[in-house]
Amino acid sequence: MRASILAVLAFTGCISVDVGIGGQRGDYKEKVIEGDPSVGAKIALIDVQGVLTSDQEESLFSTKESQVVAFVEKLRLAEQDADVKAVLIRIDSPGGDVTTSDILYNELLAFKQRKKVPVVAAFMGVAASGGYYLASACDAIVAHPTTITGSIGVISMHVSLVGLMEKIGVKVEALKSGANKDMGSPFRAMNDEDRKLFQTLVDQLYARFLAVVTEGRKGRLTEAQIRPLADGRVYTAQQALDAKLIDGIGYLADAVAEAKKRANLRRSTLVMYSRRPGHVDNEYSASVQAPPLFGGDLEHARKLLGFHCYYLWEPYLLGK
């Protein structure tokens, strides 16, 4: 049905459809952004944008693939290319769910162990919480002068519908195998035991975040120095530099220069991987498909009704 509707709209000229085999966009293709391809040595620019989630979202007009799938595929292309001598991870994200943040971090660490090339993070507008978690796998972090970063911590919110349901005369009864089986349910009030159990989960995930940051800032900060910085607050680029949470402030060209320096390159070509290479004009072009027209915010709201832990700067979403 979806394919039929798209075909009709495309035929009538209402929309332009760019699809490949099986209704999916084609494979990722390399796009030269800057430099002379004959030079040989390349720096691969890989984007990580938006709220970090492993979900694949679909709407009538577009598909947004899983960020994990896209990230891993681009890393593999860079790994297989002997001419790629450094990688630049451009991050513009408030973070996201705990597991996605950790998968991206682990995949980048594994890539570095196999490929043995320098990896530099370039922070854009927001690189907070899970975005900073991912950057901890990089060899250096260069933040845009107006970057907001930090938000090192874990957040989990519980939405209670009990009062609303009482007003409309609806009651939910759960048959459960144990007293804590429905802990976190929006249909009953959270009790002290729930809070204690959930806090334990949050504390353990926070400890992991601290360990990741401590490893990433080894030689620059100790865990004792990081802990007071990791109370969930956000920092400007200058504040983060003063606190040694990043290594430099500059524009994308400065991050590229840092990658070249660490790879001992005099000349190089900057490349990106895109399913729509014809839509990539320069280093500020998006290399991924547009998000769905509908559904993203609704999906986020739905998840908040259950218990979920996030490495996420939540005010970013509230301001969107």
C-alpha atoms as a PDB file:
ATOM      1  CA  MET A   1       0.000   0.000   0.000  1.00  0.00           C
ATOM      2  CA  ARG A   2       2.761   2.464   0.982  1.00  0.00           C
ATOM      3  CA  ALA A   3       4.672   1.739  -2.228  1.00  0.00           C
ATOM      4  CA  SER A   4       1.477   2.190  -4.295  1.00  0.00           C
ATOM      5  CA  ILE A   5       0.749   5.568  -2.750  1.00  0.00           C
ATOM      6  CA  LEU A   6       4.330   6.732  -3.355  1.00  0.00           C
ATOM      7  CA  ALA A   7       4.142   5.552  -6.954  1.00  0.00           C
ATOM      8  CA  VAL A   8       0.927   7.488  -7.583  1.00  0.00           C
ATOM      9  CA  LEU A   9       2.287  10.655  -5.969  1.00  0.00           C
ATOM     10  CA  ALA A  10       5.521  10.398  -7.937  1.00  0.00           C
ATOM     11  CA  PHE A  11       3.661   9.817 -11.199  1.00  0.00           C
ATOM     12  CA  THR A  12       1.473  12.883 -10.661  1.00  0.00           C
ATOM     13  CA  GLY A  13       4.506  15.002  -9.856  1.00  0.00           C
ATOM     14  CA  CYS A  14       3.479  15.654  -6.241  1.00  0.00           C
ATOM     15  CA  ILE A  15       6.748  14.349  -4.879  1.00  0.00           C
ATOM     16  CA  SER A  16      10.153  13.300  -6.110  1.00  0.00           C
ATOM     17  CA  VAL A  17      11.075   9.764  -5.106  1.00  0.00           C
ATOM     18  CA  ASP A  18      14.732   8.770  -4.767  1.00  0.00           C
ATOM     19  CA  VAL A  19      14.835   5.032  -4.117  1.00  0.00           C
ATOM     20  CA  GLY A  20      16.995   2.106  -5.002  1.00  0.00           C
ATOM     21  CA  ILE A  21      16.466  -1.637  -5.181  1.00  0.00           C
ATOM     22  CA  GLY A  22      13.699  -2.935  -2.959  1.00  0.00           C
ATOM     23  CA  GLY A  23      12.351   0.547  -2.215  1.00  0.00           C
ATOM     24  CA  GLN A  24      15.422   1.443  -0.163  1.00  0.00           C
ATOM     25  CA  ARG A  25      17.972   4.130  -0.874  1.00  0.00           C
ATOM     26  CA  GLY A  26      21.194   2.880  -2.395  1.00  0.00           C
ATOM     27  CA  ASP A  27      24.400   1.922  -0.640  1.00  0.00           C
ATOM     28  CA  TYR A  28      26.596   4.546   0.951  1.00  0.00           C
ATOM     29  CA  LYS A  29      28.865   6.206  -1.594  1.00  0.00           C
ATOM     30  CA  GLU A  30      31.974   8.214  -0.971  1.00  0.00           C
ATOM     31  CA  LYS A  31      31.746  11.927  -1.724  1.00  0.00           C
ATOM     32  CA  VAL A  32      34.862  14.074  -1.948  1.00  0.00           C
ATOM     33  CA  ILE A  33      34.214  17.254   0.019  1.00  0.00           C
ATOM     34  CA  GLU A  34      37.542  19.009  -0.041  1.00  0.00           C
ATOM     35  CA  GLY A  35      40.984  18.444  -1.499  1.00  0.00           C
ATOM     36  CA  ASP A  36      42.512  16.689  -4.474  1.00  0.00           C
ATOM     37  CA  PRO A  37      41.515  12.996  -4.768  1.00  0.00           C
ATOM     38  CA  SER A  38      44.842  12.261  -6.446  1.00  0.00           C
ATOM     39  CA  VAL A  39      46.591  12.968  -3.132  1.00  0.00           C
ATOM     40  CA  GLY A  40      45.536   9.560  -1.870  1.00  0.00           C
ATOM     41  CA  ALA A  41      45.377  10.172   1.876  1.00  0.00           C
ATOM     42  CA  LYS A  42      41.820  10.685   3.121  1.00  0.00           C
ATOM     43  CA  ILE A  43      40.097  11.898   6.263  1.00  0.00           C
ATOM     44  CA  ALA A  44      36.631  10.396   6.630  1.00  0.00           C
ATOM     45  CA  LEU A  45      33.962  12.664   8.117  1.00  0.00           C
ATOM     46  CA  ILE A  46      31.190  10.719   9.879  1.00  0.00           C
ATOM     47  CA  ASP A  47      28.112  12.423  11.303  1.00  0.00           C
ATOM     48  CA  VAL A  48      26.247  11.561  14.498  1.00  0.00           C
ATOM     49  CA  GLN A  49      23.176  13.776  14.737  1.00  0.00           C
ATOM     50  CA  GLY A  50      20.004  14.042  16.795  1.00  0.00           C
ATOM     51  CA  VAL A  51      18.768  11.975  19.717  1.00  0.00           C
ATOM     52  CA  LEU A  52      20.698   8.708  19.913  1.00  0.00           C
ATOM     53  CA  THR A  53      18.403   5.734  19.401  1.00  0.00           C
ATOM     54  CA  SER A  54      18.630   2.330  17.775  1.00  0.00           C
ATOM     55  CA  ASP A  55      15.113   2.657  16.390  1.00  0.00           C
ATOM     56  CA  GLN A  56      14.349   2.785  12.695  1.00  0.00           C
ATOM     57  CA  GLU A  57      11.541   5.213  11.969  1.00  0.00           C
ATOM     58  CA  GLU A  58       9.314   5.242   8.927  1.00  0.00           C
ATOM     59  CA  SER A  59       6.739   7.660   7.605  1.00  0.00           C
ATOM     60  CA  LEU A  60       4.869   7.912   4.335  1.00  0.00           C
ATOM     61  CA  PHE A  61       7.579   9.939   2.637  1.00  0.00           C
ATOM     62  CA  SER A  62      10.823   8.873   4.275  1.00  0.00           C
ATOM     63  CA  THR A  63      12.725   6.319   6.273  1.00  0.00           C
ATOM     64  CA  LYS A  64      15.235   7.170   8.949  1.00  0.00           C
ATOM     65  CA  GLU A  65      17.499   4.189   9.469  1.00  0.00           C
ATOM     66  CA  SER A  66      18.927   3.157  12.812  1.00  0.00           C
ATOM     67  CA  GLN A  67      21.809   5.392  13.864  1.00  0.00           C
ATOM     68  CA  VAL A  68      23.723   2.311  14.981  1.00  0.00           C
ATOM     69  CA  VAL A  69      23.361   0.673  11.558  1.00  0.00           C
ATOM     70  CA  ALA A  70      24.421   3.851   9.735  1.00  0.00           C
ATOM     71  CA  PHE A  71      27.374   4.513  12.062  1.00  0.00           C
ATOM     72  CA  VAL A  72      28.721   0.961  11.835  1.00  0.00           C
ATOM     73  CA  GLU A  73      28.338   0.883   8.041  1.00  0.00           C
ATOM     74  CA  LYS A  74      30.303   4.119   7.648  1.00  0.00           C
ATOM     75  CA  LEU A  75      33.024   2.913  10.015  1.00  0.00           C
ATOM     76  CA  ARG A  76      33.370  -0.269   7.964  1.00  0.00           C
ATOM     77  CA  LEU A  77      33.757   1.724   4.747  1.00  0.00           C
ATOM     78  CA  ALA A  78      36.493   3.791   6.385  1.00  0.00           C
ATOM     79  CA  GLU A  79      38.151   0.654   7.735  1.00  0.00           C
ATOM     80  CA  GLN A  80      38.189  -1.081   4.363  1.00  0.00           C
ATOM     81  CA  ASP A  81      39.754   1.907   2.610  1.00  0.00           C
ATOM     82  CA  ALA A  82      43.531   1.804   3.000  1.00  0.00           C
ATOM     83  CA  ASP A  83      43.698   5.485   2.001  1.00  0.00           C
ATOM     84  CA  VAL A  84      41.701   6.603   5.067  1.00  0.00           C
ATOM     85  CA  LYS A  85      44.375   7.822   7.470  1.00  0.00           C
ATOM     86  CA  ALA A  86      42.151   9.570  10.038  1.00  0.00           C
ATOM     87  CA  VAL A  87      38.483   9.832  10.989  1.00  0.00           C
ATOM     88  CA  LEU A  88      36.517  12.862  12.120  1.00  0.00           C
ATOM     89  CA  ILE A  89      33.354  12.161  14.139  1.00  0.00           C
ATOM     90  CA  ARG A  90      31.087  15.202  13.899  1.00  0.00           C
ATOM     91  CA  ILE A  91      28.651  15.175  16.826  1.00  0.00           C
ATOM     92  CA  ASP A  92      25.527  17.295  17.096  1.00  0.00           C
ATOM     93  CA  SER A  93      23.447  15.421  19.670  1.00  0.00           C
ATOM     94  CA  PRO A  94      21.978  15.866  23.166  1.00  0.00           C
ATOM     95  CA  GLY A  95      22.566  12.155  23.775  1.00  0.00           C
ATOM     96  CA  GLY A  96      19.935   9.472  23.947  1.00  0.00           C
ATOM     97  CA  ASP A  97      19.229   6.073  25.354  1.00  0.00           C
ATOM     98  CA  VAL A  98      21.926   4.374  27.396  1.00  0.00           C
ATOM     99  CA  THR A  99      22.398   1.297  25.240  1.00  0.00           C
ATOM    100  CA  THR A 100      22.648   3.145  21.912  1.00  0.00           C
ATOM    101  CA  SER A 101      25.228   5.534  23.374  1.00  0.00           C
ATOM    102  CA  ASP A 102      27.254   2.601  24.656  1.00  0.00           C
ATOM    103  CA  ILE A 103      27.029   0.643  21.385  1.00  0.00           C
ATOM    104  CA  LEU A 104      28.271   3.618  19.356  1.00  0.00           C
ATOM    105  CA  TYR A 105      31.111   4.147  21.853  1.00  0.00           C
ATOM    106  CA  ASN A 106      32.114   0.479  21.781  1.00  0.00           C
ATOM    107  CA  GLU A 107      31.961   0.275  17.983  1.00  0.00           C
ATOM    108  CA  LEU A 108      34.247   3.272  17.700  1.00  0.00           C
ATOM    109  CA  LEU A 109      36.722   1.769  20.185  1.00  0.00           C
ATOM    110  CA  ALA A 110      36.741  -1.499  18.251  1.00  0.00           C
ATOM    111  CA  PHE A 111      37.281   0.393  14.984  1.00  0.00           C
ATOM    112  CA  LYS A 112      40.298   2.199  16.468  1.00  0.00           C
ATOM    113  CA  GLN A 113      41.810  -1.079  17.653  1.00  0.00           C
ATOM    114  CA  ARG A 114      41.497  -2.584  14.173  1.00  0.00           C
ATOM    115  CA  LYS A 115      42.262   0.395  11.956  1.00  0.00           C
ATOM    116  CA  LYS A 116      44.941   2.102  14.050  1.00  0.00           C
ATOM    117  CA  VAL A 117      44.226   5.617  12.802  1.00  0.00           C
ATOM    118  CA  PRO A 118      43.604   8.785  14.859  1.00  0.00           C
ATOM    119  CA  VAL A 119      39.977   9.681  15.543  1.00  0.00           C
ATOM    120  CA  VAL A 120      38.975  13.259  16.393  1.00  0.00           C
ATOM    121  CA  ALA A 121      35.575  14.447  17.621  1.00  0.00           C
ATOM    122  CA  ALA A 122      34.180  17.709  16.251  1.00  0.00           C
ATOM    123  CA  PHE A 123      31.419  19.120  18.472  1.00  0.00           C
ATOM    124  CA  MET A 124      28.775  21.246  16.803  1.00  0.00           C
ATOM    125  CA  GLY A 125      25.780  22.982  18.452  1.00  0.00           C
ATOM    126  CA  VAL A 126      25.118  20.394  21.165  1.00  0.00           C
ATOM    127  CA  ALA A 127      27.314  17.461  22.163  1.00  0.00           C
ATOM    128  CA  ALA A 128      25.944  16.530  25.552  1.00  0.00           C
ATOM    129  CA  SER A 129      25.471  13.434  27.688  1.00  0.00           C
ATOM    130  CA  GLY A 130      25.466  10.427  25.310  1.00  0.00           C
ATOM    131  CA  GLY A 131      27.081  12.649  22.679  1.00  0.00           C
ATOM    132  CA  TYR A 132      29.953  13.314  25.069  1.00  0.00           C
ATOM    133  CA  TYR A 133      29.973   9.615  26.046  1.00  0.00           C
ATOM    134  CA  LEU A 134      30.648   8.710  22.399  1.00  0.00           C
ATOM    135  CA  ALA A 135      33.369  11.352  22.108  1.00  0.00           C
ATOM    136  CA  SER A 136      35.211   9.691  24.992  1.00  0.00           C
ATOM    137  CA  ALA A 137      36.328   7.050  22.487  1.00  0.00           C
ATOM    138  CA  CYS A 138      38.097   9.712  20.396  1.00  0.00           C
ATOM    139  CA  ASP A 139      41.739  10.746  20.660  1.00  0.00           C
ATOM    140  CA  ALA A 140      40.900  14.441  20.828  1.00  0.00           C
ATOM    141  CA  ILE A 141      37.840  16.678  21.058  1.00  0.00           C
ATOM    142  CA  VAL A 142      37.527  20.004  19.251  1.00  0.00           C
ATOM    143  CA  ALA A 143      34.384  21.995  20.095  1.00  0.00           C
ATOM    144  CA  HIS A 144      32.769  24.743  18.045  1.00  0.00           C
ATOM    145  CA  PRO A 145      33.029  28.104  19.879  1.00  0.00           C
ATOM    146  CA  THR A 146      29.285  28.032  20.624  1.00  0.00           C
ATOM    147  CA  THR A 147      28.990  24.343  21.553  1.00  0.00           C
ATOM    148  CA  ILE A 148      26.984  23.258  24.597  1.00  0.00           C
ATOM    149  CA  THR A 149      28.458  20.086  26.071  1.00  0.00           C
ATOM    150  CA  GLY A 150      28.737  18.144  29.315  1.00  0.00           C
ATOM    151  CA  SER A 151      25.530  16.890  30.955  1.00  0.00           C
ATOM    152  CA  ILE A 152      27.490  13.900  32.227  1.00  0.00           C
ATOM    153  CA  GLY A 153      24.954  11.780  34.049  1.00  0.00           C
ATOM    154  CA  VAL A 154      21.878   9.590  33.820  1.00  0.00           C
ATOM    155  CA  ILE A 155      18.230  10.608  33.805  1.00  0.00           C
ATOM    156  CA  SER A 156      15.074   8.557  34.128  1.00  0.00           C
ATOM    157  CA  MET A 157      11.625  10.085  34.453  1.00  0.00           C
ATOM    158  CA  HIS A 158       8.462   8.473  35.703  1.00  0.00           C
ATOM    159  CA  VAL A 159       5.130   9.705  34.411  1.00  0.00           C
ATOM    160  CA  SER A 160       2.161   8.935  36.659  1.00  0.00           C
ATOM    161  CA  LEU A 161      -1.342   8.808  35.215  1.00  0.00           C
ATOM    162  CA  VAL A 162      -2.943   7.827  38.520  1.00  0.00           C
ATOM    163  CA  GLY A 163      -4.539  11.217  39.243  1.00  0.00           C
ATOM    164  CA  LEU A 164      -5.874  11.562  35.712  1.00  0.00           C
ATOM    165  CA  MET A 165      -7.353   8.071  35.735  1.00  0.00           C
ATOM    166  CA  GLU A 166      -9.053   8.697  39.061  1.00  0.00           C
ATOM    167  CA  LYS A 167     -10.704  11.793  37.589  1.00  0.00           C
ATOM    168  CA  ILE A 168     -12.095   9.917  34.605  1.00  0.00           C
ATOM    169  CA  GLY A 169     -13.034   6.835  36.628  1.00  0.00           C
ATOM    170  CA  VAL A 170     -10.609   4.346  35.079  1.00  0.00           C
ATOM    171  CA  LYS A 171      -8.664   1.799  37.105  1.00  0.00           C
ATOM    172  CA  VAL A 172      -5.958  -0.608  35.953  1.00  0.00           C
ATOM    173  CA  GLU A 173      -5.332  -3.773  37.943  1.00  0.00           C
ATOM    174  CA  ALA A 174      -2.198  -5.839  37.337  1.00  0.00           C
ATOM    175  CA  LEU A 175      -1.885  -9.565  37.996  1.00  0.00           C
ATOM    176  CA  LYS A 176       1.806 -10.078  38.674  1.00  0.00           C
ATOM    177  CA  SER A 177       4.245 -12.760  39.705  1.00  0.00           C
ATOM    178  CA  GLY A 178       6.057 -10.516  42.170  1.00  0.00           C
ATOM    179  CA  ALA A 179       5.555  -7.300  44.084  1.00  0.00           C
ATOM    180  CA  ASN A 180       7.961  -5.360  41.853  1.00  0.00           C
ATOM    181  CA  LYS A 181       6.869  -6.709  38.465  1.00  0.00           C
ATOM    182  CA  ASP A 182       4.956  -3.507  37.614  1.00  0.00           C
ATOM    183  CA  MET A 183       7.472  -1.092  39.097  1.00  0.00           C
ATOM    184  CA  GLY A 184       7.637   2.021  36.951  1.00  0.00           C
ATOM    185  CA  SER A 185       4.142   1.565  35.600  1.00  0.00           C
ATOM    186  CA  PRO A 186       2.356   4.886  34.934  1.00  0.00           C
ATOM    187  CA  PHE A 187      -0.825   3.294  36.245  1.00  0.00           C
ATOM    188  CA  ARG A 188       0.259   3.184  39.893  1.00  0.00           C
ATOM    189  CA  ALA A 189       2.077   5.582  42.176  1.00  0.00           C
ATOM    190  CA  MET A 190       5.779   4.998  42.722  1.00  0.00           C
ATOM    191  CA  ASN A 191       6.566   3.850  46.259  1.00  0.00           C
ATOM    192  CA  ASP A 192       9.754   4.022  48.323  1.00  0.00           C
ATOM    193  CA  GLU A 193      10.837   0.528  47.296  1.00  0.00           C
ATOM    194  CA  ASP A 194      10.466   1.458  43.622  1.00  0.00           C
ATOM    195  CA  ARG A 195      12.568   4.575  44.107  1.00  0.00           C
ATOM    196  CA  LYS A 196      15.292   2.623  45.882  1.00  0.00           C
ATOM    197  CA  LEU A 197      15.489  -0.028  43.151  1.00  0.00           C
ATOM    198  CA  PHE A 198      15.431   2.495  40.318  1.00  0.00           C
ATOM    199  CA  GLN A 199      18.052   4.678  41.977  1.00  0.00           C
ATOM    200  CA  THR A 200      20.340   1.662  42.189  1.00  0.00           C
ATOM    201  CA  LEU A 201      20.004   1.163  38.434  1.00  0.00           C
ATOM    202  CA  VAL A 202      20.654   4.839  37.736  1.00  0.00           C
ATOM    203  CA  ASP A 203      23.699   4.850  40.042  1.00  0.00           C
ATOM    204  CA  GLN A 204      25.238   1.838  38.300  1.00  0.00           C
ATOM    205  CA  LEU A 205      24.754   3.360  34.862  1.00  0.00           C
ATOM    206  CA  TYR A 206      26.215   6.638  36.150  1.00  0.00           C
ATOM    207  CA  ALA A 207      29.265   4.738  37.411  1.00  0.00           C
ATOM    208  CA  ARG A 208      29.750   3.342  33.929  1.00  0.00           C
ATOM    209  CA  PHE A 209      29.530   6.833  32.430  1.00  0.00           C
ATOM    210  CA  LEU A 210      32.185   8.049  34.862  1.00  0.00           C
ATOM    211  CA  ALA A 211      34.435   5.121  33.977  1.00  0.00           C
ATOM    212  CA  VAL A 212      34.074   5.849  30.246  1.00  0.00           C
ATOM    213  CA  VAL A 213      34.891   9.535  30.683  1.00  0.00           C
ATOM    214  CA  THR A 214      37.804   8.743  33.001  1.00  0.00           C
ATOM    215  CA  GLU A 215      39.284   6.404  30.392  1.00  0.00           C
ATOM    216  CA  GLY A 216      38.724   8.956  27.654  1.00  0.00           C
ATOM    217  CA  ARG A 217      40.383  11.796  29.569  1.00  0.00           C
ATOM    218  CA  LYS A 218      43.275   9.660  30.851  1.00  0.00           C
ATOM    219  CA  GLY A 219      46.372  11.775  31.271  1.00  0.00           C
ATOM    220  CA  ARG A 220      44.286  14.949  31.446  1.00  0.00           C
ATOM    221  CA  LEU A 221      41.832  14.336  34.284  1.00  0.00           C
ATOM    222  CA  THR A 222      41.460  11.797  37.064  1.00  0.00           C
ATOM    223  CA  GLU A 223      38.160  10.314  38.206  1.00  0.00           C
ATOM    224  CA  ALA A 224      38.391  12.425  41.356  1.00  0.00           C
ATOM    225  CA  GLN A 225      38.639  15.543  39.177  1.00  0.00           C
ATOM    226  CA  ILE A 226      35.861  14.421  36.840  1.00  0.00           C
ATOM    227  CA  ARG A 227      33.298  13.512  39.501  1.00  0.00           C
ATOM    228  CA  PRO A 228      32.499  17.099  40.604  1.00  0.00           C
ATOM    229  CA  LEU A 229      32.206  18.088  36.921  1.00  0.00           C
ATOM    230  CA  ALA A 230      29.797  15.214  36.269  1.00  0.00           C
ATOM    231  CA  ASP A 231      26.743  16.412  38.170  1.00  0.00           C
ATOM    232  CA  GLY A 232      24.616  16.765  35.034  1.00  0.00           C
ATOM    233  CA  ARG A 233      25.386  20.419  34.321  1.00  0.00           C
ATOM    234  CA  VAL A 234      26.185  21.633  30.820  1.00  0.00           C
ATOM    235  CA  TYR A 235      29.170  23.722  29.791  1.00  0.00           C
ATOM    236  CA  THR A 236      30.042  26.215  27.106  1.00  0.00           C
ATOM    237  CA  ALA A 237      33.019  25.326  24.939  1.00  0.00           C
ATOM    238  CA  GLN A 238      35.262  27.671  26.929  1.00  0.00           C
ATOM    239  CA  GLN A 239      34.090  26.249  30.254  1.00  0.00           C
ATOM    240  CA  ALA A 240      34.674  22.726  28.982  1.00  0.00           C
ATOM    241  CA  LEU A 241      38.165  23.651  27.799  1.00  0.00           C
ATOM    242  CA  ASP A 242      38.999  25.244  31.136  1.00  0.00           C
ATOM    243  CA  ALA A 243      37.779  22.072  32.875  1.00  0.00           C
ATOM    244  CA  LYS A 244      39.843  19.915  30.449  1.00  0.00           C
ATOM    245  CA  LEU A 245      36.743  18.092  29.209  1.00  0.00           C
ATOM    246  CA  ILE A 246      37.729  19.005  25.645  1.00  0.00           C
ATOM    247  CA  ASP A 247      41.069  19.612  23.956  1.00  0.00           C
ATOM    248  CA  GLY A 248      40.435  22.639  21.807  1.00  0.00           C
ATOM    249  CA  ILE A 249      37.986  25.195  20.464  1.00  0.00           C
ATOM    250  CA  GLY A 250      37.605  25.857  16.775  1.00  0.00           C
ATOM    251  CA  TYR A 251      35.616  25.381  13.630  1.00  0.00           C
ATOM    252  CA  LEU A 252      35.323  22.265  11.514  1.00  0.00           C
ATOM    253  CA  ALA A 253      38.478  23.223   9.619  1.00  0.00           C
ATOM    254  CA  ASP A 254      40.351  23.256  12.932  1.00  0.00           C
ATOM    255  CA  ALA A 255      39.111  19.763  13.752  1.00  0.00           C
ATOM    256  CA  VAL A 256      40.259  18.609  10.302  1.00  0.00           C
ATOM    257  CA  ALA A 257      43.655  20.202  10.947  1.00  0.00           C
ATOM    258  CA  GLU A 258      43.883  18.343  14.265  1.00  0.00           C
ATOM    259  CA  ALA A 259      43.151  15.041  12.522  1.00  0.00           C
ATOM    260  CA  LYS A 260      45.793  15.791   9.871  1.00  0.00           C
ATOM    261  CA  LYS A 261      48.348  16.627  12.530  1.00  0.00           C
ATOM    262  CA  ARG A 262      47.699  13.429  14.461  1.00  0.00           C
ATOM    263  CA  ALA A 263      47.942  11.391  11.248  1.00  0.00           C
ATOM    264  CA  ASN A 264      51.128  13.213  10.176  1.00  0.00           C
ATOM    265  CA  LEU A 265      49.530  14.304   6.913  1.00  0.00           C
ATOM    266  CA  ARG A 266      50.721  17.295   4.918  1.00  0.00           C
ATOM    267  CA  ARG A 267      47.916  16.977   2.363  1.00  0.00           C
ATOM    268  CA  SER A 268      44.683  15.041   2.458  1.00  0.00           C
ATOM    269  CA  THR A 269      41.201  14.766   0.994  1.00  0.00           C
ATOM    270  CA  LEU A 270      38.102  15.140   3.160  1.00  0.00           C
ATOM    271  CA  VAL A 271      35.389  12.607   2.288  1.00  0.00           C
ATOM    272  CA  MET A 272      31.893  11.750   3.510  1.00  0.00           C
ATOM    273  CA  TYR A 273      29.677   8.718   3.027  1.00  0.00           C
ATOM    274  CA  SER A 274      26.155   9.355   1.806  1.00  0.00           C
ATOM    275  CA  ARG A 275      23.273   7.409   0.311  1.00  0.00           C
ATOM    276  CA  ARG A 276      22.556  10.563  -1.699  1.00  0.00           C
ATOM    277  CA  PRO A 277      25.994  11.807  -2.797  1.00  0.00           C
ATOM    278  CA  GLY A 278      24.382  14.142  -5.297  1.00  0.00           C
ATOM    279  CA  HIS A 279      22.813  16.057  -2.394  1.00  0.00           C
ATOM    280  CA  VAL A 280      26.157  16.606  -0.645  1.00  0.00           C
ATOM    281  CA  ASP A 281      27.613  19.964  -1.691  1.00  0.00           C
ATOM    282  CA  ASN A 282      30.138  20.664   1.066  1.00  0.00           C
ATOM    283  CA  GLU A 283      31.166  19.611   4.573  1.00  0.00           C
ATOM    284  CA  TYR A 284      28.021  21.143   6.078  1.00  0.00           C
ATOM    285  CA  SER A 285      25.634  19.114   3.931  1.00  0.00           C
ATOM    286  CA  ALA A 286      23.643  16.390   5.648  1.00  0.00           C
ATOM    287  CA  SER A 287      24.897  12.901   4.826  1.00  0.00           C
ATOM    288  CA  VAL A 288      21.771  11.152   6.120  1.00  0.00           C
ATOM    289  CA  GLN A 289      18.140  11.106   5.110  1.00  0.00           C
ATOM    290  CA  ALA A 290      15.701  13.583   6.570  1.00  0.00           C
ATOM    291  CA  PRO A 291      13.780  12.406   9.662  1.00  0.00           C
ATOM    292  CA  PRO A 292      10.159  11.335   9.284  1.00  0.00           C
ATOM    293  CA  LEU A 293       7.560  14.066   8.989  1.00  0.00           C
ATOM    294  CA  PHE A 294       5.569  12.451  11.779  1.00  0.00           C
ATOM    295  CA  GLY A 295       6.231  10.164  14.684  1.00  0.00           C
ATOM    296  CA  GLY A 296       9.550  11.103  16.281  1.00  0.00           C
ATOM    297  CA  ASP A 297       8.188  13.282  19.072  1.00  0.00           C
ATOM    298  CA  LEU A 298       5.270  10.912  19.655  1.00  0.00           C
ATOM    299  CA  GLU A 299       7.658   7.989  19.991  1.00  0.00           C
ATOM    300  CA  HIS A 300       9.730   9.898  22.528  1.00  0.00           C
ATOM    301  CA  ALA A 301       6.620  10.721  24.539  1.00  0.00           C
ATOM    302  CA  ARG A 302       5.542   7.089  24.457  1.00  0.00           C
ATOM    303  CA  LYS A 303       8.849   5.943  25.878  1.00  0.00           C
ATOM    304  CA  LEU A 304       8.602   8.381  28.745  1.00  0.00           C
ATOM    305  CA  LEU A 305       5.526   6.508  29.982  1.00  0.00           C
ATOM    306  CA  GLY A 306       7.716   3.547  30.922  1.00  0.00           C
ATOM    307  CA  PHE A 307      10.993   3.333  32.816  1.00  0.00           C
ATOM    308  CA  HIS A 308      13.935   4.117  30.565  1.00  0.00           C
ATOM    309  CA  CYS A 309      17.420   5.334  31.423  1.00  0.00           C
ATOM    310  CA  TYR A 310      19.041   7.961  29.222  1.00  0.00           C
ATOM    311  CA  TYR A 311      22.418   9.554  28.764  1.00  0.00           C
ATOM    312  CA  LEU A 312      20.486  12.605  27.596  1.00  0.00           C
ATOM    313  CA  TRP A 313      20.294  16.345  28.104  1.00  0.00           C
ATOM    314  CA  GLU A 314      16.495  16.448  28.337  1.00  0.00           C
ATOM    315  CA  PRO A 315      15.974  20.267  28.156  1.00  0.00           C
ATOM    316  CA  TYR A 316      17.254  20.116  24.564  1.00  0.00           C
ATOM    317  CA  LEU A 317      14.180  18.132  23.560  1.00  0.00           C
ATOM    318  CA  LEU A 318      11.779  20.334  25.497  1.00  0.00           C
ATOM    319  CA  GLY A 319      13.090  23.325  23.590  1.00  0.00           C
ATOM    320  CA  LYS A 320      12.662  21.770  20.139  1.00  0.00           C
END
